[in-house]
Each structure stands twice: as structure tokens, then as C-alpha cells.
């Protein structure tokens, strides 16, 4: 993964990532914490918090929250949106995170898809399990096989906004389960001119079975698996799946 390109995309990330009803994400995650966490008023650590949409929502509800991300530019945007002034922001690799213990970890918007190394997922679960308090939960989501194979596949995409345009050539290797995207960003600068940035992003598909297996090997237990932003069994057409693990 070219981490530097996430810094370039940071100011546009929410436009590109948060499709649909973005106001549903925070309440959905908060509902899962409320219903499944066995710790009263748990502190929450958001792994791969990005621009802090969910992090700051939870803080606005009075929760003690820490946001962790590898991109300094993402964290800068996230911290600027912290109206409570209470969130702790940490620049760190979530596969080797050594922060304070807490009652709840979350990792959303397919953060784990960016973990492309062979041991990355297992290492992240090991870190979480080590720091998660007894009775706590780990809530995460992942994009599905349908998303990688059908929605992305070997297709070309573009996003055209008032201040930027993004071109995206995608390729999904179904054998290696690796998604490769070549991106070109044109960003509006001064005098109605555009600056061009080119980059490549890699993501990995993890099956539900792989995720559950990694969690269980780390000492966590599966509490629930849901479809996209609902409390129903995942459907073949879902773009993402949510998992709730407990300790």
C-alpha cells in the first residue's frame, strides 16, 4: 500500500468513501457497542479512523475515544472535526498498536482491507486481544466477495466533483484475493488550473471464515455477524459485513 497517496486523498476521502446515508454509520456502531459490550461506559479505540467521522460522532455522545491512523493528513482532518476537544489522536500502525487498554475497539469502512501482508490481520487481532478489557468488544466491517468481484472487478471508474476529478482503473486478482487500483487525481488549484497526482492502492479480500478464524486464534469469540448497516443475516448481494467479537 502506498500510504502517501492516502495523504493526498485525505481532503476528498469522505466524498469518495462515504456513499449513501452517511448519518447512519455513527448510530449503527453506537448501537452495537450499547447492545454487545459488557462494560459500562467503555472507552473506545477506533483503529484506522481515517477522517474521524465515527470517532467524532462517538465523542459527541460523551464517550472517551481514541482515534488511530497511519496517515498524518487523515488525522489532521479528523482532529479538526473534533468539536468536543476530547479525542486522543495517535499516528500508529494498527497491526502493532501498543496504546492503552480499552473496553471497545472498532475498525470500520473496510480498514482491514488495507492490511495486505500475510500476517497483518493476525497481528492486528493479537494486539486488540491483548489490550481489550474483559467483557469488551471488537466491532469491525469488511467488504464482501460481491464487492470485490462484481462491483469493483476489472472496471474503470471516475468521480467528478467541483474541485477534483478522480480516475480509477481497477483489477481484482480472484486467486490471490488482491485488489489493485491505479488512480489519477486532478485537483483544482489556483487560476482554474489543476494539479495531477498519480498513485496506486492495494486492498485484500478476507473471507468471513478467515476473519473469524483469526479472531478466535487471538482469543476472541464471535458474538454476531450482520449485513450492511442492519441486524440481519448477510445476503449474497451485500457490499459489506459487520462482525462483533467479544472477550
C-alpha atoms as a PDB file:
ATOM      1  CA  UNK A   1       0.000   0.000   0.000  1.00  0.00           C
ATOM      2  CA  UNK A   2       1.290   3.442  -0.904  1.00  0.00           C
ATOM      3  CA  UNK A   3       0.464   5.212   2.355  1.00  0.00           C
ATOM      4  CA  UNK A   4       1.484   8.599   0.959  1.00  0.00           C
ATOM      5  CA  UNK A   5      -1.378   8.545  -1.551  1.00  0.00           C
ATOM      6  CA  UNK A   6      -3.851   8.380   1.330  1.00  0.00           C
ATOM      7  CA  UNK A   7      -2.403  11.702   2.489  1.00  0.00           C
ATOM      8  CA  UNK A   8      -3.095  13.115  -0.981  1.00  0.00           C
ATOM      9  CA  UNK A   9      -6.650  11.755  -0.942  1.00  0.00           C
ATOM     10  CA  UNK A  10      -7.309  12.812   2.653  1.00  0.00           C
ATOM     11  CA  UNK A  11      -9.220  16.023   1.922  1.00  0.00           C
ATOM     12  CA  UNK A  12     -11.502  14.180  -0.510  1.00  0.00           C
ATOM     13  CA  UNK A  13     -11.738  10.873   1.326  1.00  0.00           C
ATOM     14  CA  UNK A  14     -15.210  11.320   2.783  1.00  0.00           C
ATOM     15  CA  UNK A  15     -16.668  12.187  -0.628  1.00  0.00           C
ATOM     16  CA  UNK A  16     -15.160   9.016  -2.083  1.00  0.00           C
ATOM     17  CA  UNK A  17     -15.661   6.600   0.809  1.00  0.00           C
ATOM     18  CA  UNK A  18     -18.911   7.578   2.466  1.00  0.00           C
ATOM     19  CA  UNK A  19     -21.554   6.792  -0.115  1.00  0.00           C
ATOM     20  CA  UNK A  20     -25.226   6.601   0.756  1.00  0.00           C
ATOM     21  CA  UNK A  21     -26.677   7.672   4.087  1.00  0.00           C
ATOM     22  CA  UNK A  22     -23.518   8.616   5.976  1.00  0.00           C
ATOM     23  CA  UNK A  23     -25.511   9.697   9.027  1.00  0.00           C
ATOM     24  CA  UNK A  24     -26.348   6.036   9.734  1.00  0.00           C
ATOM     25  CA  UNK A  25     -22.786   4.924  10.476  1.00  0.00           C
ATOM     26  CA  UNK A  26     -22.271   6.510  13.876  1.00  0.00           C
ATOM     27  CA  UNK A  27     -25.641   5.494  15.352  1.00  0.00           C
ATOM     28  CA  UNK A  28     -25.231   1.966  13.982  1.00  0.00           C
ATOM     29  CA  UNK A  29     -21.828   1.458  15.611  1.00  0.00           C
ATOM     30  CA  UNK A  30     -23.017   3.062  18.845  1.00  0.00           C
ATOM     31  CA  UNK A  31     -25.989   0.688  18.891  1.00  0.00           C
ATOM     32  CA  UNK A  32     -23.708  -2.333  18.564  1.00  0.00           C
ATOM     33  CA  UNK A  33     -21.494  -1.078  21.388  1.00  0.00           C
ATOM     34  CA  UNK A  34     -24.518  -0.479  23.610  1.00  0.00           C
ATOM     35  CA  UNK A  35     -26.064  -3.877  22.928  1.00  0.00           C
ATOM     36  CA  UNK A  36     -22.963  -6.096  22.985  1.00  0.00           C
ATOM     37  CA  UNK A  37     -20.328  -4.519  25.201  1.00  0.00           C
ATOM     38  CA  UNK A  38     -20.389  -5.902  28.730  1.00  0.00           C
ATOM     39  CA  UNK A  39     -18.564  -2.901  30.176  1.00  0.00           C
ATOM     40  CA  UNK A  40     -20.490   0.163  31.330  1.00  0.00           C
ATOM     41  CA  UNK A  41     -19.316   3.392  29.635  1.00  0.00           C
ATOM     42  CA  UNK A  42     -16.420   1.730  27.808  1.00  0.00           C
ATOM     43  CA  UNK A  43     -13.564   3.736  26.367  1.00  0.00           C
ATOM     44  CA  UNK A  44     -13.334   3.228  22.606  1.00  0.00           C
ATOM     45  CA  UNK A  45     -10.333   2.964  20.281  1.00  0.00           C
ATOM     46  CA  UNK A  46     -11.017   3.494  16.572  1.00  0.00           C
ATOM     47  CA  UNK A  47      -8.380   1.638  14.553  1.00  0.00           C
ATOM     48  CA  UNK A  48      -7.882   3.152  11.109  1.00  0.00           C
ATOM     49  CA  UNK A  49     -10.089   6.098  11.999  1.00  0.00           C
ATOM     50  CA  UNK A  50      -9.434   7.973   8.752  1.00  0.00           C
ATOM     51  CA  UNK A  51     -11.078  11.395   8.810  1.00  0.00           C
ATOM     52  CA  UNK A  52     -12.752  10.636  12.118  1.00  0.00           C
ATOM     53  CA  UNK A  53     -16.398  10.559  11.070  1.00  0.00           C
ATOM     54  CA  UNK A  54     -17.329   7.777  13.502  1.00  0.00           C
ATOM     55  CA  UNK A  55     -14.659   8.691  16.060  1.00  0.00           C
ATOM     56  CA  UNK A  56     -16.028  12.203  16.454  1.00  0.00           C
ATOM     57  CA  UNK A  57     -19.624  11.008  16.471  1.00  0.00           C
ATOM     58  CA  UNK A  58     -18.933   8.706  19.423  1.00  0.00           C
ATOM     59  CA  UNK A  59     -17.108  11.516  21.222  1.00  0.00           C
ATOM     60  CA  UNK A  60     -20.109  13.784  20.680  1.00  0.00           C
ATOM     61  CA  UNK A  61     -22.179  11.206  22.563  1.00  0.00           C
ATOM     62  CA  UNK A  62     -19.946  11.538  25.598  1.00  0.00           C
ATOM     63  CA  UNK A  63     -17.681   8.553  25.001  1.00  0.00           C
ATOM     64  CA  UNK A  64     -13.959   8.524  25.789  1.00  0.00           C
ATOM     65  CA  UNK A  65     -12.468   7.899  22.343  1.00  0.00           C
ATOM     66  CA  UNK A  66      -9.026   7.416  20.800  1.00  0.00           C
ATOM     67  CA  UNK A  67      -8.512   7.633  17.033  1.00  0.00           C
ATOM     68  CA  UNK A  68      -5.611   5.724  15.478  1.00  0.00           C
ATOM     69  CA  UNK A  69      -4.434   6.053  11.875  1.00  0.00           C
ATOM     70  CA  UNK A  70      -1.222   5.741   9.897  1.00  0.00           C
ATOM     71  CA  UNK A  71      -1.871   8.852   7.779  1.00  0.00           C
ATOM     72  CA  UNK A  72      -0.920  12.194   9.400  1.00  0.00           C
ATOM     73  CA  UNK A  73      -3.126  14.093   6.937  1.00  0.00           C
ATOM     74  CA  UNK A  74      -6.140  11.937   7.784  1.00  0.00           C
ATOM     75  CA  UNK A  75      -5.543  12.591  11.471  1.00  0.00           C
ATOM     76  CA  UNK A  76      -5.234  16.328  10.855  1.00  0.00           C
ATOM     77  CA  UNK A  77      -8.674  16.384   9.236  1.00  0.00           C
ATOM     78  CA  UNK A  78     -10.100  14.118  11.938  1.00  0.00           C
ATOM     79  CA  UNK A  79      -8.821  16.300  14.764  1.00  0.00           C
ATOM     80  CA  UNK A  80     -10.163  19.450  13.097  1.00  0.00           C
ATOM     81  CA  UNK A  81     -13.634  17.886  13.243  1.00  0.00           C
ATOM     82  CA  UNK A  82     -13.420  17.071  16.955  1.00  0.00           C
ATOM     83  CA  UNK A  83     -15.892  19.602  18.345  1.00  0.00           C
ATOM     84  CA  UNK A  84     -15.592  18.123  21.844  1.00  0.00           C
ATOM     85  CA  UNK A  85     -11.834  18.548  22.044  1.00  0.00           C
ATOM     86  CA  UNK A  86     -11.690  15.281  23.970  1.00  0.00           C
ATOM     87  CA  UNK A  87     -10.447  12.736  21.403  1.00  0.00           C
ATOM     88  CA  UNK A  88      -6.888  11.427  21.641  1.00  0.00           C
ATOM     89  CA  UNK A  89      -5.313  11.126  18.194  1.00  0.00           C
ATOM     90  CA  UNK A  90      -2.464   8.663  17.623  1.00  0.00           C
ATOM     91  CA  UNK A  91      -0.435   8.108  14.450  1.00  0.00           C
ATOM     92  CA  UNK A  92       0.385   4.397  14.511  1.00  0.00           C
ATOM     93  CA  UNK A  93       0.308   1.113  12.613  1.00  0.00           C
ATOM     94  CA  UNK A  94      -2.770  -0.827  13.729  1.00  0.00           C
ATOM     95  CA  UNK A  95      -1.024  -4.180  13.186  1.00  0.00           C
ATOM     96  CA  UNK A  96       1.347  -3.390  16.053  1.00  0.00           C
ATOM     97  CA  UNK A  97      -0.681  -0.963  18.136  1.00  0.00           C
ATOM     98  CA  UNK A  98       0.519  -0.637  21.746  1.00  0.00           C
ATOM     99  CA  UNK A  99      -1.813   2.010  23.140  1.00  0.00           C
ATOM    100  CA  UNK A 100      -3.843   1.923  26.349  1.00  0.00           C
ATOM    101  CA  UNK A 101      -6.330  -0.836  27.082  1.00  0.00           C
ATOM    102  CA  UNK A 102     -10.000  -0.125  26.475  1.00  0.00           C
ATOM    103  CA  UNK A 103     -13.441  -1.688  26.607  1.00  0.00           C
ATOM    104  CA  UNK A 104     -14.148  -1.423  22.895  1.00  0.00           C
ATOM    105  CA  UNK A 105     -12.182  -1.441  19.677  1.00  0.00           C
ATOM    106  CA  UNK A 106     -13.763  -0.563  16.339  1.00  0.00           C
ATOM    107  CA  UNK A 107     -12.334  -0.746  12.830  1.00  0.00           C
ATOM    108  CA  UNK A 108     -14.718   0.361  10.121  1.00  0.00           C
ATOM    109  CA  UNK A 109     -15.078   1.205   6.421  1.00  0.00           C
ATOM    110  CA  UNK A 110     -13.010  -1.831   5.451  1.00  0.00           C
ATOM    111  CA  UNK A 111      -9.887  -0.721   7.252  1.00  0.00           C
ATOM    112  CA  UNK A 112      -8.765  -4.338   7.408  1.00  0.00           C
ATOM    113  CA  UNK A 113      -8.794  -4.475   3.603  1.00  0.00           C
ATOM    114  CA  UNK A 114      -5.711  -2.250   3.709  1.00  0.00           C
ATOM    115  CA  UNK A 115      -3.854  -4.950   5.665  1.00  0.00           C
ATOM    116  CA  UNK A 116      -2.269  -6.761   2.739  1.00  0.00           C
ATOM    117  CA  UNK A 117       0.665  -8.539   4.417  1.00  0.00           C
ATOM    118  CA  UNK A 118       0.339 -12.240   5.174  1.00  0.00           C
ATOM    119  CA  UNK A 119       0.451 -11.752   8.953  1.00  0.00           C
ATOM    120  CA  UNK A 120      -1.159  -8.316   9.198  1.00  0.00           C
ATOM    121  CA  UNK A 121      -4.666  -9.437  10.111  1.00  0.00           C
ATOM    122  CA  UNK A 122      -3.451 -11.919  12.729  1.00  0.00           C
ATOM    123  CA  UNK A 123      -1.142  -9.301  14.229  1.00  0.00           C
ATOM    124  CA  UNK A 124      -3.962  -6.758  14.472  1.00  0.00           C
ATOM    125  CA  UNK A 125      -6.234  -9.244  16.230  1.00  0.00           C
ATOM    126  CA  UNK A 126      -3.406 -10.185  18.601  1.00  0.00           C
ATOM    127  CA  UNK A 127      -2.880  -6.520  19.514  1.00  0.00           C
ATOM    128  CA  UNK A 128      -6.594  -5.992  20.070  1.00  0.00           C
ATOM    129  CA  UNK A 129      -6.967  -9.119  22.172  1.00  0.00           C
ATOM    130  CA  UNK A 130      -4.020  -8.095  24.343  1.00  0.00           C
ATOM    131  CA  UNK A 131      -5.464  -4.631  25.041  1.00  0.00           C
ATOM    132  CA  UNK A 132      -9.185  -5.392  25.136  1.00  0.00           C
ATOM    133  CA  UNK A 133     -10.654  -5.457  28.626  1.00  0.00           C
ATOM    134  CA  UNK A 134     -12.616  -8.496  29.830  1.00  0.00           C
ATOM    135  CA  UNK A 135     -16.211  -8.159  28.721  1.00  0.00           C
ATOM    136  CA  UNK A 136     -15.227  -5.755  25.946  1.00  0.00           C
ATOM    137  CA  UNK A 137     -15.984  -5.978  22.225  1.00  0.00           C
ATOM    138  CA  UNK A 138     -14.232  -5.546  18.896  1.00  0.00           C
ATOM    139  CA  UNK A 139     -16.525  -4.312  16.102  1.00  0.00           C
ATOM    140  CA  UNK A 140     -15.316  -4.273  12.523  1.00  0.00           C
ATOM    141  CA  UNK A 141     -16.565  -4.490   8.989  1.00  0.00           C
ATOM    142  CA  UNK A 142     -15.171  -5.823   5.740  1.00  0.00           C
ATOM    143  CA  UNK A 143     -16.167  -5.546   2.117  1.00  0.00           C
ATOM    144  CA  UNK A 144     -17.539  -8.723   0.595  1.00  0.00           C
ATOM    145  CA  UNK A 145     -16.609 -11.000  -2.274  1.00  0.00           C
ATOM    146  CA  UNK A 146     -19.523  -9.473  -4.196  1.00  0.00           C
ATOM    147  CA  UNK A 147     -17.988  -6.023  -3.750  1.00  0.00           C
ATOM    148  CA  UNK A 148     -14.552  -7.066  -4.987  1.00  0.00           C
ATOM    149  CA  UNK A 149     -15.641  -9.412  -7.767  1.00  0.00           C
ATOM    150  CA  UNK A 150     -18.725  -7.659  -9.119  1.00  0.00           C
ATOM    151  CA  UNK A 151     -18.799  -4.016  -8.023  1.00  0.00           C
ATOM    152  CA  UNK A 152     -15.074  -3.356  -8.477  1.00  0.00           C
ATOM    153  CA  UNK A 153     -13.883  -6.255 -10.639  1.00  0.00           C
ATOM    154  CA  UNK A 154     -11.827  -5.270 -13.684  1.00  0.00           C
ATOM    155  CA  UNK A 155     -13.626  -1.990 -14.242  1.00  0.00           C
ATOM    156  CA  UNK A 156     -12.858   1.686 -14.762  1.00  0.00           C
ATOM    157  CA  UNK A 157     -14.457   4.368 -12.578  1.00  0.00           C
ATOM    158  CA  UNK A 158     -14.480   8.125 -12.319  1.00  0.00           C
ATOM    159  CA  UNK A 159     -15.711  10.619  -9.751  1.00  0.00           C
ATOM    160  CA  UNK A 160     -16.223  14.207 -10.868  1.00  0.00           C
ATOM    161  CA  UNK A 161     -16.701  16.937  -8.253  1.00  0.00           C
ATOM    162  CA  UNK A 162     -16.483  20.709  -8.342  1.00  0.00           C
ATOM    163  CA  UNK A 163     -12.911  20.827  -7.036  1.00  0.00           C
ATOM    164  CA  UNK A 164     -11.472  17.495  -8.118  1.00  0.00           C
ATOM    165  CA  UNK A 165     -11.809  14.560 -10.502  1.00  0.00           C
ATOM    166  CA  UNK A 166     -10.623  11.024  -9.791  1.00  0.00           C
ATOM    167  CA  UNK A 167      -9.999   8.345 -12.428  1.00  0.00           C
ATOM    168  CA  UNK A 168      -9.695   4.758 -11.197  1.00  0.00           C
ATOM    169  CA  UNK A 169      -8.592   1.679 -13.160  1.00  0.00           C
ATOM    170  CA  UNK A 170      -9.326  -1.426 -11.085  1.00  0.00           C
ATOM    171  CA  UNK A 171      -8.159  -5.023 -11.209  1.00  0.00           C
ATOM    172  CA  UNK A 172      -9.122  -7.805  -8.805  1.00  0.00           C
ATOM    173  CA  UNK A 173      -6.997 -10.959  -8.731  1.00  0.00           C
ATOM    174  CA  UNK A 174      -9.516 -13.611  -7.678  1.00  0.00           C
ATOM    175  CA  UNK A 175      -6.800 -16.210  -6.987  1.00  0.00           C
ATOM    176  CA  UNK A 176      -4.586 -14.052  -4.770  1.00  0.00           C
ATOM    177  CA  UNK A 177      -7.614 -12.112  -3.406  1.00  0.00           C
ATOM    178  CA  UNK A 178      -5.773  -8.839  -4.025  1.00  0.00           C
ATOM    179  CA  UNK A 179      -7.389  -5.716  -5.447  1.00  0.00           C
ATOM    180  CA  UNK A 180      -5.165  -3.263  -7.281  1.00  0.00           C
ATOM    181  CA  UNK A 181      -6.287   0.247  -8.211  1.00  0.00           C
ATOM    182  CA  UNK A 182      -4.389   2.751 -10.340  1.00  0.00           C
ATOM    183  CA  UNK A 183      -5.651   6.251  -9.577  1.00  0.00           C
ATOM    184  CA  UNK A 184      -5.197   9.664 -11.152  1.00  0.00           C
ATOM    185  CA  UNK A 185      -6.412  12.693  -9.219  1.00  0.00           C
ATOM    186  CA  UNK A 186      -6.889  16.119 -10.786  1.00  0.00           C
ATOM    187  CA  UNK A 187      -7.234  18.735  -8.042  1.00  0.00           C
ATOM    188  CA  UNK A 188      -8.315  22.326  -8.619  1.00  0.00           C
ATOM    189  CA  UNK A 189      -5.519  24.769  -7.831  1.00  0.00           C
ATOM    190  CA  UNK A 190      -5.073  28.485  -8.424  1.00  0.00           C
ATOM    191  CA  UNK A 191      -6.099  30.288 -11.646  1.00  0.00           C
ATOM    192  CA  UNK A 192      -8.511  27.480 -12.554  1.00  0.00           C
ATOM    193  CA  UNK A 193      -5.615  25.129 -13.180  1.00  0.00           C
ATOM    194  CA  UNK A 194      -5.492  21.519 -11.987  1.00  0.00           C
ATOM    195  CA  UNK A 195      -2.677  19.653 -10.296  1.00  0.00           C
ATOM    196  CA  UNK A 196      -2.293  15.985 -11.200  1.00  0.00           C
ATOM    197  CA  UNK A 197      -1.413  13.194  -8.775  1.00  0.00           C
ATOM    198  CA  UNK A 198      -0.922   9.527  -9.674  1.00  0.00           C
ATOM    199  CA  UNK A 199      -0.907   6.661  -7.220  1.00  0.00           C
ATOM    200  CA  UNK A 200      -1.662   3.010  -6.634  1.00  0.00           C
ATOM    201  CA  UNK A 201      -3.695   1.455  -3.836  1.00  0.00           C
ATOM    202  CA  UNK A 202      -3.853  -2.202  -2.905  1.00  0.00           C
ATOM    203  CA  UNK A 203      -6.528  -3.942  -0.864  1.00  0.00           C
ATOM    204  CA  UNK A 204      -7.034  -7.536   0.224  1.00  0.00           C
ATOM    205  CA  UNK A 205     -10.214  -9.569   0.439  1.00  0.00           C
ATOM    206  CA  UNK A 206     -10.661 -11.523   3.651  1.00  0.00           C
ATOM    207  CA  UNK A 207     -13.450 -14.070   3.759  1.00  0.00           C
ATOM    208  CA  UNK A 208     -15.726 -14.178   6.810  1.00  0.00           C
ATOM    209  CA  UNK A 209     -14.194 -17.556   7.673  1.00  0.00           C
ATOM    210  CA  UNK A 210     -10.671 -16.079   7.675  1.00  0.00           C
ATOM    211  CA  UNK A 211     -11.737 -13.193   9.891  1.00  0.00           C
ATOM    212  CA  UNK A 212     -13.498 -15.410  12.423  1.00  0.00           C
ATOM    213  CA  UNK A 213     -10.581 -17.840  12.466  1.00  0.00           C
ATOM    214  CA  UNK A 214      -8.059 -15.046  13.142  1.00  0.00           C
ATOM    215  CA  UNK A 215     -10.248 -13.638  15.902  1.00  0.00           C
ATOM    216  CA  UNK A 216     -10.670 -16.991  17.603  1.00  0.00           C
ATOM    217  CA  UNK A 217      -6.937 -17.767  17.417  1.00  0.00           C
ATOM    218  CA  UNK A 218      -6.340 -14.452  19.190  1.00  0.00           C
ATOM    219  CA  UNK A 219      -8.701 -15.466  21.981  1.00  0.00           C
ATOM    220  CA  UNK A 220     -11.831 -13.607  20.894  1.00  0.00           C
ATOM    221  CA  UNK A 221     -15.274 -15.108  20.387  1.00  0.00           C
ATOM    222  CA  UNK A 222     -17.815 -14.332  17.680  1.00  0.00           C
ATOM    223  CA  UNK A 223     -20.905 -12.646  19.107  1.00  0.00           C
ATOM    224  CA  UNK A 224     -22.700 -11.550  15.932  1.00  0.00           C
ATOM    225  CA  UNK A 225     -22.383 -11.180  12.166  1.00  0.00           C
ATOM    226  CA  UNK A 226     -24.637  -8.745  10.295  1.00  0.00           C
ATOM    227  CA  UNK A 227     -25.277  -7.456   6.815  1.00  0.00           C
ATOM    228  CA  UNK A 228     -24.704  -3.883   5.703  1.00  0.00           C
ATOM    229  CA  UNK A 229     -25.774  -1.459   8.458  1.00  0.00           C
ATOM    230  CA  UNK A 230     -28.535  -3.783   9.684  1.00  0.00           C
ATOM    231  CA  UNK A 231     -29.170  -6.547  12.212  1.00  0.00           C
ATOM    232  CA  UNK A 232     -29.931  -9.225   9.630  1.00  0.00           C
ATOM    233  CA  UNK A 233     -28.001 -12.205   8.300  1.00  0.00           C
ATOM    234  CA  UNK A 234     -25.634 -11.147   5.494  1.00  0.00           C
ATOM    235  CA  UNK A 235     -27.031 -11.583   1.971  1.00  0.00           C
ATOM    236  CA  UNK A 236     -25.012 -12.543  -1.140  1.00  0.00           C
ATOM    237  CA  UNK A 237     -25.676  -9.081  -2.580  1.00  0.00           C
ATOM    238  CA  UNK A 238     -24.348  -7.166   0.457  1.00  0.00           C
ATOM    239  CA  UNK A 239     -21.347  -4.914  -0.161  1.00  0.00           C
ATOM    240  CA  UNK A 240     -20.047  -5.240   3.408  1.00  0.00           C
ATOM    241  CA  UNK A 241     -20.412  -7.384   6.527  1.00  0.00           C
ATOM    242  CA  UNK A 242     -20.181  -6.356  10.187  1.00  0.00           C
ATOM    243  CA  UNK A 243     -18.650  -8.522  12.902  1.00  0.00           C
ATOM    244  CA  UNK A 244     -18.905  -8.252  16.674  1.00  0.00           C
ATOM    245  CA  UNK A 245     -16.289 -10.149  18.685  1.00  0.00           C
ATOM    246  CA  UNK A 246     -16.107 -10.355  22.461  1.00  0.00           C
ATOM    247  CA  UNK A 247     -13.563 -11.192  25.129  1.00  0.00           C
END
